[in-house]
């Protein structure tokens, strides 16, 4: 179905409502992932250990040894990034603003420029900055070493409703406009981010992969905070699925290899209560000072400094 449905889904994106109303049979990614060898991120070790259940992996931390671990660069999980009081107030402030229906059982609040990923065109549109009540989050982000020069140009609140089968299908965030660091702040509810190696990065060179605009990454690869893995290093992740815990109140950042060479998703089975997170995106170097599209990004960057 290529038309937008009343629930907000379109194309291959579905929720429980449209699956029932239109008799849509959707493959279950969880069943496919569970056929693979599961590895989960230990927040304290900052390494991967064998197992599907992320809570079990955290509980087993005192028993972890380096000989049984895998390393994947480009993952940061910081627990208790927000205080319970900050999160409670932020949820109340977000709920005072209008929510819009989105795909796959989600609702969203989007603050940022208008983008056309296929045509690689950007317009400022009605973007006039971000809600004042969320400014403190951006200030806290700037205090983290990996985000000290991060300039938000899109802020998106996302709500996941388990009664609607809310999820996000496997994908790589667009590489034409969104920069290296993919940032998520969890304001309400626990969840898990599921990663799987994007097979195309093994089969082809990046500059030959148009999907997700990955072909542009080589043009700014020298600016990345964390280098990409070569094909020999990536082969160890074939046949594996990676599970990253996203606890309530936490900060999650993907960059480098984890951001560009792995698809990430949120499975509906990992949403068992209302979840609200705020996602932050930055420009690619092409739209920053010295980049070939710097002038096109100036208006957006200027407005991104404003809070209302």
C-alpha atoms as a PDB file:
ATOM      1  CA  UNK A   1       0.000   0.000   0.000  1.00  0.00           C
ATOM      2  CA  UNK A   2       1.602   3.235  -1.153  1.00  0.00           C
ATOM      3  CA  UNK A   3      -1.002   5.651   0.158  1.00  0.00           C
ATOM      4  CA  UNK A   4      -1.004   7.224   3.594  1.00  0.00           C
ATOM      5  CA  UNK A   5      -3.424   5.376   5.874  1.00  0.00           C
ATOM      6  CA  UNK A   6      -5.524   6.991   8.646  1.00  0.00           C
ATOM      7  CA  UNK A   7      -3.041   5.679  11.229  1.00  0.00           C
ATOM      8  CA  UNK A   8      -0.164   7.550   9.550  1.00  0.00           C
ATOM      9  CA  UNK A   9       1.596   4.515   8.051  1.00  0.00           C
ATOM     10  CA  UNK A  10       2.483   4.248   4.371  1.00  0.00           C
ATOM     11  CA  UNK A  11       4.404   1.902   2.111  1.00  0.00           C
ATOM     12  CA  UNK A  12       5.971  -0.980   4.023  1.00  0.00           C
ATOM     13  CA  UNK A  13       5.555   0.819   7.368  1.00  0.00           C
ATOM     14  CA  UNK A  14       2.751  -0.643   9.465  1.00  0.00           C
ATOM     15  CA  UNK A  15       1.240  -0.599  12.930  1.00  0.00           C
ATOM     16  CA  UNK A  16      -1.174  -2.992  14.630  1.00  0.00           C
ATOM     17  CA  UNK A  17      -4.146  -0.902  13.493  1.00  0.00           C
ATOM     18  CA  UNK A  18      -3.465  -0.947   9.760  1.00  0.00           C
ATOM     19  CA  UNK A  19      -2.284  -4.554   9.857  1.00  0.00           C
ATOM     20  CA  UNK A  20      -5.726  -5.450  11.206  1.00  0.00           C
ATOM     21  CA  UNK A  21      -7.779  -3.012   9.100  1.00  0.00           C
ATOM     22  CA  UNK A  22      -6.095  -3.864   5.785  1.00  0.00           C
ATOM     23  CA  UNK A  23      -5.108  -7.495   6.452  1.00  0.00           C
ATOM     24  CA  UNK A  24      -1.423  -6.676   6.118  1.00  0.00           C
ATOM     25  CA  UNK A  25       0.981  -9.474   6.948  1.00  0.00           C
ATOM     26  CA  UNK A  26       4.276  -8.011   8.097  1.00  0.00           C
ATOM     27  CA  UNK A  27       7.445 -10.084   8.541  1.00  0.00           C
ATOM     28  CA  UNK A  28       8.575 -10.168  12.163  1.00  0.00           C
ATOM     29  CA  UNK A  29      12.139  -8.754  12.397  1.00  0.00           C
ATOM     30  CA  UNK A  30      12.532 -10.170  15.894  1.00  0.00           C
ATOM     31  CA  UNK A  31      12.059 -13.736  14.654  1.00  0.00           C
ATOM     32  CA  UNK A  32      14.673 -13.156  11.959  1.00  0.00           C
ATOM     33  CA  UNK A  33      17.124 -11.530  14.357  1.00  0.00           C
ATOM     34  CA  UNK A  34      16.761 -14.350  16.868  1.00  0.00           C
ATOM     35  CA  UNK A  35      18.096 -16.744  14.246  1.00  0.00           C
ATOM     36  CA  UNK A  36      21.382 -14.832  14.497  1.00  0.00           C
ATOM     37  CA  UNK A  37      24.044 -14.895  17.193  1.00  0.00           C
ATOM     38  CA  UNK A  38      23.017 -12.226  19.719  1.00  0.00           C
ATOM     39  CA  UNK A  39      25.468  -9.908  21.462  1.00  0.00           C
ATOM     40  CA  UNK A  40      24.463  -7.205  23.959  1.00  0.00           C
ATOM     41  CA  UNK A  41      26.215  -4.024  25.054  1.00  0.00           C
ATOM     42  CA  UNK A  42      27.423  -3.830  28.640  1.00  0.00           C
ATOM     43  CA  UNK A  43      27.121  -0.195  29.676  1.00  0.00           C
ATOM     44  CA  UNK A  44      29.878  -0.431  32.292  1.00  0.00           C
ATOM     45  CA  UNK A  45      32.371  -2.466  30.210  1.00  0.00           C
ATOM     46  CA  UNK A  46      31.527  -0.603  26.995  1.00  0.00           C
ATOM     47  CA  UNK A  47      31.864  -3.895  25.167  1.00  0.00           C
ATOM     48  CA  UNK A  48      29.626  -6.587  23.708  1.00  0.00           C
ATOM     49  CA  UNK A  49      28.895  -9.933  25.381  1.00  0.00           C
ATOM     50  CA  UNK A  50      27.026 -12.968  24.114  1.00  0.00           C
ATOM     51  CA  UNK A  51      23.278 -12.843  24.842  1.00  0.00           C
ATOM     52  CA  UNK A  52      19.960 -11.378  23.683  1.00  0.00           C
ATOM     53  CA  UNK A  53      18.610  -9.993  26.959  1.00  0.00           C
ATOM     54  CA  UNK A  54      20.297  -6.674  27.718  1.00  0.00           C
ATOM     55  CA  UNK A  55      19.152  -6.663  31.358  1.00  0.00           C
ATOM     56  CA  UNK A  56      20.820 -10.021  31.931  1.00  0.00           C
ATOM     57  CA  UNK A  57      24.063  -8.724  30.428  1.00  0.00           C
ATOM     58  CA  UNK A  58      24.055  -5.714  32.797  1.00  0.00           C
ATOM     59  CA  UNK A  59      23.421  -7.979  35.801  1.00  0.00           C
ATOM     60  CA  UNK A  60      26.315 -10.232  34.785  1.00  0.00           C
ATOM     61  CA  UNK A  61      28.781  -7.321  34.594  1.00  0.00           C
ATOM     62  CA  UNK A  62      30.939  -8.426  37.586  1.00  0.00           C
ATOM     63  CA  UNK A  63      31.598 -11.729  35.782  1.00  0.00           C
ATOM     64  CA  UNK A  64      32.590 -10.210  32.453  1.00  0.00           C
ATOM     65  CA  UNK A  65      36.030 -10.968  31.079  1.00  0.00           C
ATOM     66  CA  UNK A  66      37.825  -9.441  28.141  1.00  0.00           C
ATOM     67  CA  UNK A  67      38.445 -12.750  26.397  1.00  0.00           C
ATOM     68  CA  UNK A  68      34.691 -13.224  25.798  1.00  0.00           C
ATOM     69  CA  UNK A  69      33.958  -9.715  24.554  1.00  0.00           C
ATOM     70  CA  UNK A  70      33.608  -7.980  21.202  1.00  0.00           C
ATOM     71  CA  UNK A  71      34.428  -4.351  20.486  1.00  0.00           C
ATOM     72  CA  UNK A  72      32.327  -2.116  18.259  1.00  0.00           C
ATOM     73  CA  UNK A  73      33.486   1.519  18.130  1.00  0.00           C
ATOM     74  CA  UNK A  74      30.989   4.346  18.042  1.00  0.00           C
ATOM     75  CA  UNK A  75      28.584   3.499  20.898  1.00  0.00           C
ATOM     76  CA  UNK A  76      27.945   5.623  23.983  1.00  0.00           C
ATOM     77  CA  UNK A  77      25.286   4.838  26.583  1.00  0.00           C
ATOM     78  CA  UNK A  78      25.176   7.111  29.624  1.00  0.00           C
ATOM     79  CA  UNK A  79      22.753   6.140  32.357  1.00  0.00           C
ATOM     80  CA  UNK A  80      20.889   8.806  34.343  1.00  0.00           C
ATOM     81  CA  UNK A  81      21.685  11.571  31.863  1.00  0.00           C
ATOM     82  CA  UNK A  82      18.432  13.174  33.028  1.00  0.00           C
ATOM     83  CA  UNK A  83      17.227  13.316  36.597  1.00  0.00           C
ATOM     84  CA  UNK A  84      13.740  11.916  37.288  1.00  0.00           C
ATOM     85  CA  UNK A  85      12.565  15.465  37.996  1.00  0.00           C
ATOM     86  CA  UNK A  86      13.966  16.790  34.716  1.00  0.00           C
ATOM     87  CA  UNK A  87      12.369  13.977  32.761  1.00  0.00           C
ATOM     88  CA  UNK A  88       8.977  14.377  34.440  1.00  0.00           C
ATOM     89  CA  UNK A  89       8.899  18.100  33.664  1.00  0.00           C
ATOM     90  CA  UNK A  90      10.082  17.533  30.089  1.00  0.00           C
ATOM     91  CA  UNK A  91       7.309  15.012  29.438  1.00  0.00           C
ATOM     92  CA  UNK A  92       4.732  17.484  30.784  1.00  0.00           C
ATOM     93  CA  UNK A  93       6.174  20.260  28.603  1.00  0.00           C
ATOM     94  CA  UNK A  94       6.202  18.081  25.494  1.00  0.00           C
ATOM     95  CA  UNK A  95       2.649  16.924  26.123  1.00  0.00           C
ATOM     96  CA  UNK A  96       1.570  20.571  26.251  1.00  0.00           C
ATOM     97  CA  UNK A  97       2.619  20.856  22.582  1.00  0.00           C
ATOM     98  CA  UNK A  98       0.743  19.234  19.673  1.00  0.00           C
ATOM     99  CA  UNK A  99       1.712  15.679  18.699  1.00  0.00           C
ATOM    100  CA  UNK A 100       1.445  14.587  15.050  1.00  0.00           C
ATOM    101  CA  UNK A 101       0.767  11.026  13.922  1.00  0.00           C
ATOM    102  CA  UNK A 102       3.748   9.294  12.358  1.00  0.00           C
ATOM    103  CA  UNK A 103       4.499   5.908  10.856  1.00  0.00           C
ATOM    104  CA  UNK A 104       4.671   2.523  12.578  1.00  0.00           C
ATOM    105  CA  UNK A 105       2.454   3.439  15.528  1.00  0.00           C
ATOM    106  CA  UNK A 106       4.446   6.488  16.616  1.00  0.00           C
ATOM    107  CA  UNK A 107       3.655  10.138  17.215  1.00  0.00           C
ATOM    108  CA  UNK A 108       6.186  12.920  16.781  1.00  0.00           C
ATOM    109  CA  UNK A 109       7.004  16.594  17.258  1.00  0.00           C
ATOM    110  CA  UNK A 110       9.494  17.766  14.664  1.00  0.00           C
ATOM    111  CA  UNK A 111      11.539  20.964  14.850  1.00  0.00           C
ATOM    112  CA  UNK A 112      13.950  21.468  11.985  1.00  0.00           C
ATOM    113  CA  UNK A 113      14.288  22.262   8.273  1.00  0.00           C
ATOM    114  CA  UNK A 114      12.349  20.625   5.462  1.00  0.00           C
ATOM    115  CA  UNK A 115      14.432  17.967   3.753  1.00  0.00           C
ATOM    116  CA  UNK A 116      14.107  15.940   0.567  1.00  0.00           C
ATOM    117  CA  UNK A 117      16.514  13.033   0.903  1.00  0.00           C
ATOM    118  CA  UNK A 118      16.047  11.752  -2.655  1.00  0.00           C
ATOM    119  CA  UNK A 119      16.616  15.120  -4.351  1.00  0.00           C
ATOM    120  CA  UNK A 120      19.094  16.263  -1.669  1.00  0.00           C
ATOM    121  CA  UNK A 121      17.336  19.560  -1.177  1.00  0.00           C
ATOM    122  CA  UNK A 122      16.860  21.508   2.044  1.00  0.00           C
ATOM    123  CA  UNK A 123      14.611  24.451   2.904  1.00  0.00           C
ATOM    124  CA  UNK A 124      14.335  26.314   6.171  1.00  0.00           C
ATOM    125  CA  UNK A 125      10.529  26.385   5.831  1.00  0.00           C
ATOM    126  CA  UNK A 126       8.844  27.438   9.074  1.00  0.00           C
ATOM    127  CA  UNK A 127      11.747  26.384  11.260  1.00  0.00           C
ATOM    128  CA  UNK A 128      12.319  29.051  13.908  1.00  0.00           C
ATOM    129  CA  UNK A 129      14.254  27.132  16.534  1.00  0.00           C
ATOM    130  CA  UNK A 130      13.361  24.842  19.418  1.00  0.00           C
ATOM    131  CA  UNK A 131      11.055  24.886  22.452  1.00  0.00           C
ATOM    132  CA  UNK A 132      12.578  26.855  25.316  1.00  0.00           C
ATOM    133  CA  UNK A 133      11.633  24.103  27.745  1.00  0.00           C
ATOM    134  CA  UNK A 134      14.101  21.706  26.061  1.00  0.00           C
ATOM    135  CA  UNK A 135      17.055  24.106  25.889  1.00  0.00           C
ATOM    136  CA  UNK A 136      18.577  22.611  29.027  1.00  0.00           C
ATOM    137  CA  UNK A 137      18.952  19.243  27.252  1.00  0.00           C
ATOM    138  CA  UNK A 138      21.073  20.774  24.521  1.00  0.00           C
ATOM    139  CA  UNK A 139      23.156  22.499  27.194  1.00  0.00           C
ATOM    140  CA  UNK A 140      23.727  19.159  28.927  1.00  0.00           C
ATOM    141  CA  UNK A 141      24.714  17.535  25.629  1.00  0.00           C
ATOM    142  CA  UNK A 142      27.431  20.148  25.114  1.00  0.00           C
ATOM    143  CA  UNK A 143      29.016  19.109  28.430  1.00  0.00           C
ATOM    144  CA  UNK A 144      29.848  15.633  27.063  1.00  0.00           C
ATOM    145  CA  UNK A 145      33.254  15.290  25.391  1.00  0.00           C
ATOM    146  CA  UNK A 146      31.929  13.455  22.336  1.00  0.00           C
ATOM    147  CA  UNK A 147      29.285  16.181  21.828  1.00  0.00           C
ATOM    148  CA  UNK A 148      31.166  19.335  22.840  1.00  0.00           C
ATOM    149  CA  UNK A 149      30.909  20.853  19.331  1.00  0.00           C
ATOM    150  CA  UNK A 150      27.537  19.310  18.447  1.00  0.00           C
ATOM    151  CA  UNK A 151      25.159  21.881  16.934  1.00  0.00           C
ATOM    152  CA  UNK A 152      21.589  20.624  16.809  1.00  0.00           C
ATOM    153  CA  UNK A 153      19.775  21.438  13.573  1.00  0.00           C
ATOM    154  CA  UNK A 154      16.869  19.042  14.084  1.00  0.00           C
ATOM    155  CA  UNK A 155      15.116  18.039  17.292  1.00  0.00           C
ATOM    156  CA  UNK A 156      12.402  15.402  17.105  1.00  0.00           C
ATOM    157  CA  UNK A 157      10.267  14.117  19.967  1.00  0.00           C
ATOM    158  CA  UNK A 158       9.110  10.533  19.364  1.00  0.00           C
ATOM    159  CA  UNK A 159       6.396   8.678  21.249  1.00  0.00           C
ATOM    160  CA  UNK A 160       6.107   4.881  21.110  1.00  0.00           C
ATOM    161  CA  UNK A 161       2.763   3.350  22.086  1.00  0.00           C
ATOM    162  CA  UNK A 162       2.833  -0.416  22.736  1.00  0.00           C
ATOM    163  CA  UNK A 163      -0.918  -0.696  22.104  1.00  0.00           C
ATOM    164  CA  UNK A 164      -0.238   0.398  18.503  1.00  0.00           C
ATOM    165  CA  UNK A 165       2.761  -1.874  17.980  1.00  0.00           C
ATOM    166  CA  UNK A 166       5.070   1.133  17.728  1.00  0.00           C
ATOM    167  CA  UNK A 167       8.515   0.445  16.280  1.00  0.00           C
ATOM    168  CA  UNK A 168      11.173   1.679  13.861  1.00  0.00           C
ATOM    169  CA  UNK A 169      12.219  -0.582  10.998  1.00  0.00           C
ATOM    170  CA  UNK A 170      15.931  -1.246  10.324  1.00  0.00           C
ATOM    171  CA  UNK A 171      17.625   1.742   8.692  1.00  0.00           C
ATOM    172  CA  UNK A 172      20.683   3.989   8.583  1.00  0.00           C
ATOM    173  CA  UNK A 173      20.029   7.662   9.209  1.00  0.00           C
ATOM    174  CA  UNK A 174      20.444   9.738   6.044  1.00  0.00           C
ATOM    175  CA  UNK A 175      24.072  10.597   5.289  1.00  0.00           C
ATOM    176  CA  UNK A 176      23.519  13.601   3.012  1.00  0.00           C
ATOM    177  CA  UNK A 177      22.150  15.975   5.618  1.00  0.00           C
ATOM    178  CA  UNK A 178      22.486  14.353   9.055  1.00  0.00           C
ATOM    179  CA  UNK A 179      25.987  14.305  10.462  1.00  0.00           C
ATOM    180  CA  UNK A 180      27.990  11.627  12.206  1.00  0.00           C
ATOM    181  CA  UNK A 181      26.545  11.745  15.712  1.00  0.00           C
ATOM    182  CA  UNK A 182      23.058  10.288  16.097  1.00  0.00           C
ATOM    183  CA  UNK A 183      21.828  11.361  19.535  1.00  0.00           C
ATOM    184  CA  UNK A 184      18.846  10.099  21.554  1.00  0.00           C
ATOM    185  CA  UNK A 185      17.738  11.180  25.031  1.00  0.00           C
ATOM    186  CA  UNK A 186      15.253   8.862  26.756  1.00  0.00           C
ATOM    187  CA  UNK A 187      12.689  10.816  28.758  1.00  0.00           C
ATOM    188  CA  UNK A 188      10.233   8.034  29.556  1.00  0.00           C
ATOM    189  CA  UNK A 189      10.430   4.242  29.394  1.00  0.00           C
ATOM    190  CA  UNK A 190      13.117   1.631  28.762  1.00  0.00           C
ATOM    191  CA  UNK A 191      13.844   0.244  25.306  1.00  0.00           C
ATOM    192  CA  UNK A 192      16.526  -1.517  23.260  1.00  0.00           C
ATOM    193  CA  UNK A 193      18.278  -0.453  20.068  1.00  0.00           C
ATOM    194  CA  UNK A 194      18.926  -3.411  17.768  1.00  0.00           C
ATOM    195  CA  UNK A 195      21.805  -3.241  15.277  1.00  0.00           C
ATOM    196  CA  UNK A 196      22.721  -5.538  12.397  1.00  0.00           C
ATOM    197  CA  UNK A 197      25.566  -5.219   9.905  1.00  0.00           C
ATOM    198  CA  UNK A 198      24.401  -3.598   6.671  1.00  0.00           C
ATOM    199  CA  UNK A 199      25.481  -6.244   4.148  1.00  0.00           C
ATOM    200  CA  UNK A 200      26.019  -3.732   1.345  1.00  0.00           C
ATOM    201  CA  UNK A 201      29.039  -2.228   3.124  1.00  0.00           C
ATOM    202  CA  UNK A 202      30.757  -5.613   2.795  1.00  0.00           C
ATOM    203  CA  UNK A 203      29.721  -6.265  -0.787  1.00  0.00           C
ATOM    204  CA  UNK A 204      30.426  -2.822  -2.267  1.00  0.00           C
ATOM    205  CA  UNK A 205      32.447   0.347  -1.735  1.00  0.00           C
ATOM    206  CA  UNK A 206      30.618   3.125   0.113  1.00  0.00           C
ATOM    207  CA  UNK A 207      30.803   5.494  -2.852  1.00  0.00           C
ATOM    208  CA  UNK A 208      28.737   2.965  -4.846  1.00  0.00           C
ATOM    209  CA  UNK A 209      25.894   2.710  -2.288  1.00  0.00           C
ATOM    210  CA  UNK A 210      23.149   5.256  -2.983  1.00  0.00           C
ATOM    211  CA  UNK A 211      20.715   3.969  -0.355  1.00  0.00           C
ATOM    212  CA  UNK A 212      20.716   6.197   2.737  1.00  0.00           C
ATOM    213  CA  UNK A 213      22.987   8.520   0.662  1.00  0.00           C
ATOM    214  CA  UNK A 214      25.940   6.470   1.900  1.00  0.00           C
ATOM    215  CA  UNK A 215      27.835   7.354  -1.288  1.00  0.00           C
ATOM    216  CA  UNK A 216      28.491  10.804   0.203  1.00  0.00           C
ATOM    217  CA  UNK A 217      30.275   9.519   3.305  1.00  0.00           C
ATOM    218  CA  UNK A 218      33.692   9.163   1.578  1.00  0.00           C
ATOM    219  CA  UNK A 219      33.587  12.904   0.783  1.00  0.00           C
ATOM    220  CA  UNK A 220      33.742  13.775   4.496  1.00  0.00           C
ATOM    221  CA  UNK A 221      35.121  10.557   6.006  1.00  0.00           C
ATOM    222  CA  UNK A 222      38.317  12.321   7.092  1.00  0.00           C
ATOM    223  CA  UNK A 223      36.239  14.458   9.484  1.00  0.00           C
ATOM    224  CA  UNK A 224      34.742  11.504  11.396  1.00  0.00           C
ATOM    225  CA  UNK A 225      35.390  11.213  15.127  1.00  0.00           C
ATOM    226  CA  UNK A 226      35.754   7.452  14.860  1.00  0.00           C
ATOM    227  CA  UNK A 227      37.146   5.736  11.732  1.00  0.00           C
ATOM    228  CA  UNK A 228      35.033   3.238   9.856  1.00  0.00           C
ATOM    229  CA  UNK A 229      35.895  -0.450  10.034  1.00  0.00           C
ATOM    230  CA  UNK A 230      37.514  -2.104   7.019  1.00  0.00           C
ATOM    231  CA  UNK A 231      35.907  -5.135   5.429  1.00  0.00           C
ATOM    232  CA  UNK A 232      38.110  -7.596   7.278  1.00  0.00           C
ATOM    233  CA  UNK A 233      37.106  -6.007  10.600  1.00  0.00           C
ATOM    234  CA  UNK A 234      33.435  -6.043   9.637  1.00  0.00           C
ATOM    235  CA  UNK A 235      33.310  -9.746   8.778  1.00  0.00           C
ATOM    236  CA  UNK A 236      33.346 -10.664  12.474  1.00  0.00           C
ATOM    237  CA  UNK A 237      29.855  -9.134  12.738  1.00  0.00           C
ATOM    238  CA  UNK A 238      28.334 -11.236   9.964  1.00  0.00           C
ATOM    239  CA  UNK A 239      25.594 -13.477  11.312  1.00  0.00           C
ATOM    240  CA  UNK A 240      25.352 -11.441  14.522  1.00  0.00           C
ATOM    241  CA  UNK A 241      22.728  -9.109  15.962  1.00  0.00           C
ATOM    242  CA  UNK A 242      23.683  -6.397  18.460  1.00  0.00           C
ATOM    243  CA  UNK A 243      21.441  -5.236  21.289  1.00  0.00           C
ATOM    244  CA  UNK A 244      22.052  -1.860  22.950  1.00  0.00           C
ATOM    245  CA  UNK A 245      20.085  -1.022  26.117  1.00  0.00           C
ATOM    246  CA  UNK A 246      18.342   2.361  26.190  1.00  0.00           C
ATOM    247  CA  UNK A 247      17.345   2.789  29.840  1.00  0.00           C
ATOM    248  CA  UNK A 248      14.910   5.434  30.971  1.00  0.00           C
ATOM    249  CA  UNK A 249      16.686   8.801  31.553  1.00  0.00           C
ATOM    250  CA  UNK A 250      19.714   7.734  29.481  1.00  0.00           C
ATOM    251  CA  UNK A 251      21.707   9.287  26.648  1.00  0.00           C
ATOM    252  CA  UNK A 252      22.609   7.187  23.595  1.00  0.00           C
ATOM    253  CA  UNK A 253      25.024   8.300  20.865  1.00  0.00           C
ATOM    254  CA  UNK A 254      25.928   6.381  17.710  1.00  0.00           C
ATOM    255  CA  UNK A 255      28.881   7.533  15.625  1.00  0.00           C
ATOM    256  CA  UNK A 256      31.590   6.120  13.398  1.00  0.00           C
ATOM    257  CA  UNK A 257      31.176   2.469  12.409  1.00  0.00           C
ATOM    258  CA  UNK A 258      28.072   1.887  14.558  1.00  0.00           C
ATOM    259  CA  UNK A 259      26.320   4.786  12.832  1.00  0.00           C
ATOM    260  CA  UNK A 260      27.343   4.231   9.194  1.00  0.00           C
ATOM    261  CA  UNK A 261      27.937   0.497   8.770  1.00  0.00           C
ATOM    262  CA  UNK A 262      25.059  -0.992  10.779  1.00  0.00           C
ATOM    263  CA  UNK A 263      21.301  -0.633  10.367  1.00  0.00           C
ATOM    264  CA  UNK A 264      19.507   0.108  13.636  1.00  0.00           C
ATOM    265  CA  UNK A 265      15.909  -0.475  14.674  1.00  0.00           C
ATOM    266  CA  UNK A 266      13.542  -0.498  17.639  1.00  0.00           C
ATOM    267  CA  UNK A 267      11.493  -3.700  17.773  1.00  0.00           C
ATOM    268  CA  UNK A 268       7.867  -3.522  18.867  1.00  0.00           C
ATOM    269  CA  UNK A 269       8.523  -6.380  21.310  1.00  0.00           C
ATOM    270  CA  UNK A 270      10.967  -4.075  23.148  1.00  0.00           C
ATOM    271  CA  UNK A 271       8.250  -1.493  23.843  1.00  0.00           C
ATOM    272  CA  UNK A 272       6.095  -2.529  26.797  1.00  0.00           C
ATOM    273  CA  UNK A 273       5.040   0.917  28.045  1.00  0.00           C
ATOM    274  CA  UNK A 274       4.737   4.433  26.698  1.00  0.00           C
ATOM    275  CA  UNK A 275       8.184   5.546  25.594  1.00  0.00           C
ATOM    276  CA  UNK A 276       9.141   9.135  24.795  1.00  0.00           C
ATOM    277  CA  UNK A 277      12.558  10.112  23.549  1.00  0.00           C
ATOM    278  CA  UNK A 278      14.073  13.223  21.978  1.00  0.00           C
ATOM    279  CA  UNK A 279      16.351  12.703  18.972  1.00  0.00           C
ATOM    280  CA  UNK A 280      18.966  15.237  17.899  1.00  0.00           C
ATOM    281  CA  UNK A 281      20.679  15.584  14.527  1.00  0.00           C
ATOM    282  CA  UNK A 282      23.551  17.760  13.278  1.00  0.00           C
ATOM    283  CA  UNK A 283      24.670  18.830   9.795  1.00  0.00           C
ATOM    284  CA  UNK A 284      27.185  16.883   7.746  1.00  0.00           C
ATOM    285  CA  UNK A 285      30.503  18.751   7.185  1.00  0.00           C
ATOM    286  CA  UNK A 286      29.202  19.774   3.742  1.00  0.00           C
ATOM    287  CA  UNK A 287      26.835  22.256   5.434  1.00  0.00           C
ATOM    288  CA  UNK A 288      29.331  23.565   7.979  1.00  0.00           C
ATOM    289  CA  UNK A 289      31.900  26.342   7.573  1.00  0.00           C
ATOM    290  CA  UNK A 290      34.349  25.352   4.836  1.00  0.00           C
ATOM    291  CA  UNK A 291      31.890  22.896   3.259  1.00  0.00           C
ATOM    292  CA  UNK A 292      30.650  23.285  -0.305  1.00  0.00           C
ATOM    293  CA  UNK A 293      27.030  23.767   0.845  1.00  0.00           C
ATOM    294  CA  UNK A 294      27.828  26.054   3.777  1.00  0.00           C
ATOM    295  CA  UNK A 295      25.759  28.987   2.484  1.00  0.00           C
ATOM    296  CA  UNK A 296      22.660  26.788   2.093  1.00  0.00           C
ATOM    297  CA  UNK A 297      22.917  25.751   5.716  1.00  0.00           C
ATOM    298  CA  UNK A 298      23.538  29.213   7.184  1.00  0.00           C
ATOM    299  CA  UNK A 299      19.862  30.171   7.629  1.00  0.00           C
ATOM    300  CA  UNK A 300      19.068  26.843   9.266  1.00  0.00           C
ATOM    301  CA  UNK A 301      22.077  27.082  11.577  1.00  0.00           C
ATOM    302  CA  UNK A 302      21.148  30.638  12.551  1.00  0.00           C
ATOM    303  CA  UNK A 303      17.593  29.622  13.439  1.00  0.00           C
ATOM    304  CA  UNK A 304      18.864  26.551  15.276  1.00  0.00           C
ATOM    305  CA  UNK A 305      20.416  28.891  17.860  1.00  0.00           C
ATOM    306  CA  UNK A 306      16.979  30.259  18.777  1.00  0.00           C
ATOM    307  CA  UNK A 307      14.593  29.004  21.475  1.00  0.00           C
ATOM    308  CA  UNK A 308      10.984  30.099  21.851  1.00  0.00           C
END
